[in-house]
Every structure is written in structure tokens, then in C-alpha cells.
C-alpha atoms as a PDB file:
ATOM      1  CA  UNK A   1     -48.921  -5.933  -0.127  1.00  0.00           C
ATOM      2  CA  UNK A   2     -48.915  -2.227   0.778  1.00  0.00           C
ATOM      3  CA  UNK A   3     -46.930  -2.961   3.903  1.00  0.00           C
ATOM      4  CA  UNK A   4     -44.267  -4.884   1.968  1.00  0.00           C
ATOM      5  CA  UNK A   5     -43.975  -2.033  -0.559  1.00  0.00           C
ATOM      6  CA  UNK A   6     -43.571   0.513   2.232  1.00  0.00           C
ATOM      7  CA  UNK A   7     -40.939  -1.600   3.939  1.00  0.00           C
ATOM      8  CA  UNK A   8     -38.878  -1.872   0.768  1.00  0.00           C
ATOM      9  CA  UNK A   9     -38.961   1.926   0.334  1.00  0.00           C
ATOM     10  CA  UNK A  10     -37.541   2.302   3.847  1.00  0.00           C
ATOM     11  CA  UNK A  11     -34.783  -0.193   3.089  1.00  0.00           C
ATOM     12  CA  UNK A  12     -33.978   1.538  -0.184  1.00  0.00           C
ATOM     13  CA  UNK A  13     -33.848   4.946   1.517  1.00  0.00           C
ATOM     14  CA  UNK A  14     -31.562   3.592   4.229  1.00  0.00           C
ATOM     15  CA  UNK A  15     -29.276   1.952   1.666  1.00  0.00           C
ATOM     16  CA  UNK A  16     -29.017   5.152  -0.393  1.00  0.00           C
ATOM     17  CA  UNK A  17     -28.273   7.173   2.724  1.00  0.00           C
ATOM     18  CA  UNK A  18     -25.522   4.716   3.716  1.00  0.00           C
ATOM     19  CA  UNK A  19     -23.948   4.860   0.254  1.00  0.00           C
ATOM     20  CA  UNK A  20     -24.003   8.661   0.281  1.00  0.00           C
ATOM     21  CA  UNK A  21     -22.419   8.717   3.722  1.00  0.00           C
ATOM     22  CA  UNK A  22     -19.646   6.331   2.680  1.00  0.00           C
ATOM     23  CA  UNK A  23     -18.894   8.343  -0.458  1.00  0.00           C
ATOM     24  CA  UNK A  24     -18.762  11.615   1.466  1.00  0.00           C
ATOM     25  CA  UNK A  25     -16.411  10.146   4.082  1.00  0.00           C
ATOM     26  CA  UNK A  26     -14.136   8.766   1.367  1.00  0.00           C
ATOM     27  CA  UNK A  27     -13.980  12.123  -0.398  1.00  0.00           C
ATOM     28  CA  UNK A  28     -13.316  13.966   2.859  1.00  0.00           C
ATOM     29  CA  UNK A  29     -10.387  11.680   3.662  1.00  0.00           C
ATOM     30  CA  UNK A  30      -8.191  13.133   0.896  1.00  0.00           C
ATOM     31  CA  UNK A  31      -6.231  16.278   1.737  1.00  0.00           C
ATOM     32  CA  UNK A  32      -7.154  19.509   0.003  1.00  0.00           C
ATOM     33  CA  UNK A  33      -4.154  21.114  -1.725  1.00  0.00           C
ATOM     34  CA  UNK A  34      -3.001  24.597  -0.712  1.00  0.00           C
ATOM     35  CA  UNK A  35      -1.828  27.088  -3.339  1.00  0.00           C
ATOM     36  CA  UNK A  36       1.415  25.790  -4.853  1.00  0.00           C
ATOM     37  CA  UNK A  37       0.593  22.157  -4.024  1.00  0.00           C
ATOM     38  CA  UNK A  38      -0.769  19.134  -5.849  1.00  0.00           C
ATOM     39  CA  UNK A  39      -1.325  15.515  -4.861  1.00  0.00           C
ATOM     40  CA  UNK A  40      -0.696  12.378  -6.880  1.00  0.00           C
ATOM     41  CA  UNK A  41      -2.485   9.156  -5.983  1.00  0.00           C
ATOM     42  CA  UNK A  42      -0.774   6.063  -7.377  1.00  0.00           C
ATOM     43  CA  UNK A  43      -2.988   2.954  -7.389  1.00  0.00           C
ATOM     44  CA  UNK A  44      -1.662  -0.605  -7.128  1.00  0.00           C
ATOM     45  CA  UNK A  45      -3.075  -4.045  -7.910  1.00  0.00           C
ATOM     46  CA  UNK A  46      -2.697  -5.365  -4.347  1.00  0.00           C
ATOM     47  CA  UNK A  47      -1.311  -4.654  -0.873  1.00  0.00           C
ATOM     48  CA  UNK A  48       2.286  -5.385  -1.914  1.00  0.00           C
ATOM     49  CA  UNK A  49       2.161  -2.167  -3.982  1.00  0.00           C
ATOM     50  CA  UNK A  50       4.454  -3.530  -6.684  1.00  0.00           C
ATOM     51  CA  UNK A  51       2.275  -3.246  -9.818  1.00  0.00           C
ATOM     52  CA  UNK A  52       0.879   0.199 -10.695  1.00  0.00           C
ATOM     53  CA  UNK A  53      -2.597   0.041 -12.239  1.00  0.00           C
ATOM     54  CA  UNK A  54      -3.605   3.729 -12.271  1.00  0.00           C
ATOM     55  CA  UNK A  55      -2.835   7.262 -11.215  1.00  0.00           C
ATOM     56  CA  UNK A  56      -4.735  10.441 -10.384  1.00  0.00           C
ATOM     57  CA  UNK A  57      -3.471  13.989  -9.922  1.00  0.00           C
ATOM     58  CA  UNK A  58      -5.294  16.996  -8.477  1.00  0.00           C
ATOM     59  CA  UNK A  59      -4.302  20.404  -7.192  1.00  0.00           C
ATOM     60  CA  UNK A  60      -2.627  23.577  -8.397  1.00  0.00           C
ATOM     61  CA  UNK A  61       0.550  22.311 -10.135  1.00  0.00           C
ATOM     62  CA  UNK A  62      -0.292  21.678 -13.764  1.00  0.00           C
ATOM     63  CA  UNK A  63      -3.338  19.966 -15.222  1.00  0.00           C
ATOM     64  CA  UNK A  64      -5.276  17.355 -13.270  1.00  0.00           C
ATOM     65  CA  UNK A  65      -5.263  13.902 -14.858  1.00  0.00           C
ATOM     66  CA  UNK A  66      -6.257  10.316 -14.247  1.00  0.00           C
ATOM     67  CA  UNK A  67      -5.703   6.996 -15.969  1.00  0.00           C
ATOM     68  CA  UNK A  68      -6.206   3.294 -15.311  1.00  0.00           C
ATOM     69  CA  UNK A  69      -7.975   1.705 -12.374  1.00  0.00           C
ATOM     70  CA  UNK A  70      -8.693   4.206  -9.593  1.00  0.00           C
ATOM     71  CA  UNK A  71      -9.717   1.934  -6.736  1.00  0.00           C
ATOM     72  CA  UNK A  72      -8.027  -0.269  -4.227  1.00  0.00           C
ATOM     73  CA  UNK A  73      -4.594   0.232  -2.700  1.00  0.00           C
ATOM     74  CA  UNK A  74      -2.889   3.583  -3.259  1.00  0.00           C
ATOM     75  CA  UNK A  75      -0.163   5.890  -2.051  1.00  0.00           C
ATOM     76  CA  UNK A  76      -0.494   9.652  -1.851  1.00  0.00           C
ATOM     77  CA  UNK A  77       2.383  11.995  -2.722  1.00  0.00           C
ATOM     78  CA  UNK A  78       2.441  15.770  -2.272  1.00  0.00           C
ATOM     79  CA  UNK A  79       4.057  17.882  -4.998  1.00  0.00           C
ATOM     80  CA  UNK A  80       5.009  21.513  -4.459  1.00  0.00           C
ATOM     81  CA  UNK A  81       5.487  24.073  -7.190  1.00  0.00           C
ATOM     82  CA  UNK A  82       6.042  27.801  -7.489  1.00  0.00           C
ATOM     83  CA  UNK A  83       3.046  30.097  -7.325  1.00  0.00           C
ATOM     84  CA  UNK A  84       3.332  30.664 -11.076  1.00  0.00           C
ATOM     85  CA  UNK A  85       2.458  27.061 -11.897  1.00  0.00           C
ATOM     86  CA  UNK A  86       4.463  24.022 -12.965  1.00  0.00           C
ATOM     87  CA  UNK A  87       7.389  26.081 -14.335  1.00  0.00           C
ATOM     88  CA  UNK A  88       8.629  26.556 -10.765  1.00  0.00           C
ATOM     89  CA  UNK A  89       8.223  22.915  -9.777  1.00  0.00           C
ATOM     90  CA  UNK A  90      10.771  21.583  -7.332  1.00  0.00           C
END
């Protein structure tokens, strides 16, 4: 019984490590915005990218926001703005 318990702890540790690794790689894949830049991720229901199901914004142009379903297929758009914020947006 002790051996089975020890084996399951090893499996659990390995699974948690794998999940952490996957999450860190996914987070590292998104570009980091420079000053005067923001990114908008638009999420779609499937690979045809015809039905929008969510959106996420991050960066230095205006407030960050998110809505809807934030998983699956997405496109990434870069937005530039003046150094003073969204007033100077292009």
C-alpha cells in the first residue's frame, strides 16, 4: 500500500510540473507590448474564424479588458498610440 501511495505522489508531481510548463510556455508565446503599443486578441468559435466569441486587450493604450470565451482560435492585432495614452491613437 505504501508503494502505491508513493507512486501516485510521483505521478501527481509530474502532472503538476507538466501543467505548469505548458502554462508558462503559453504565456511566453504572446508578445510583450512596448511603450505606446497594445495588443488585442480576438477569439473565434472555430478555425474558420467567422464567429467572434471573445476578446482580450493588454498593453499601454487605454484600459485592459476581456470578455467572452478566451480559449481556442484567435488572431492577434497590434495597436499603436501616442506616448500620452489613447488620445494619440492612430
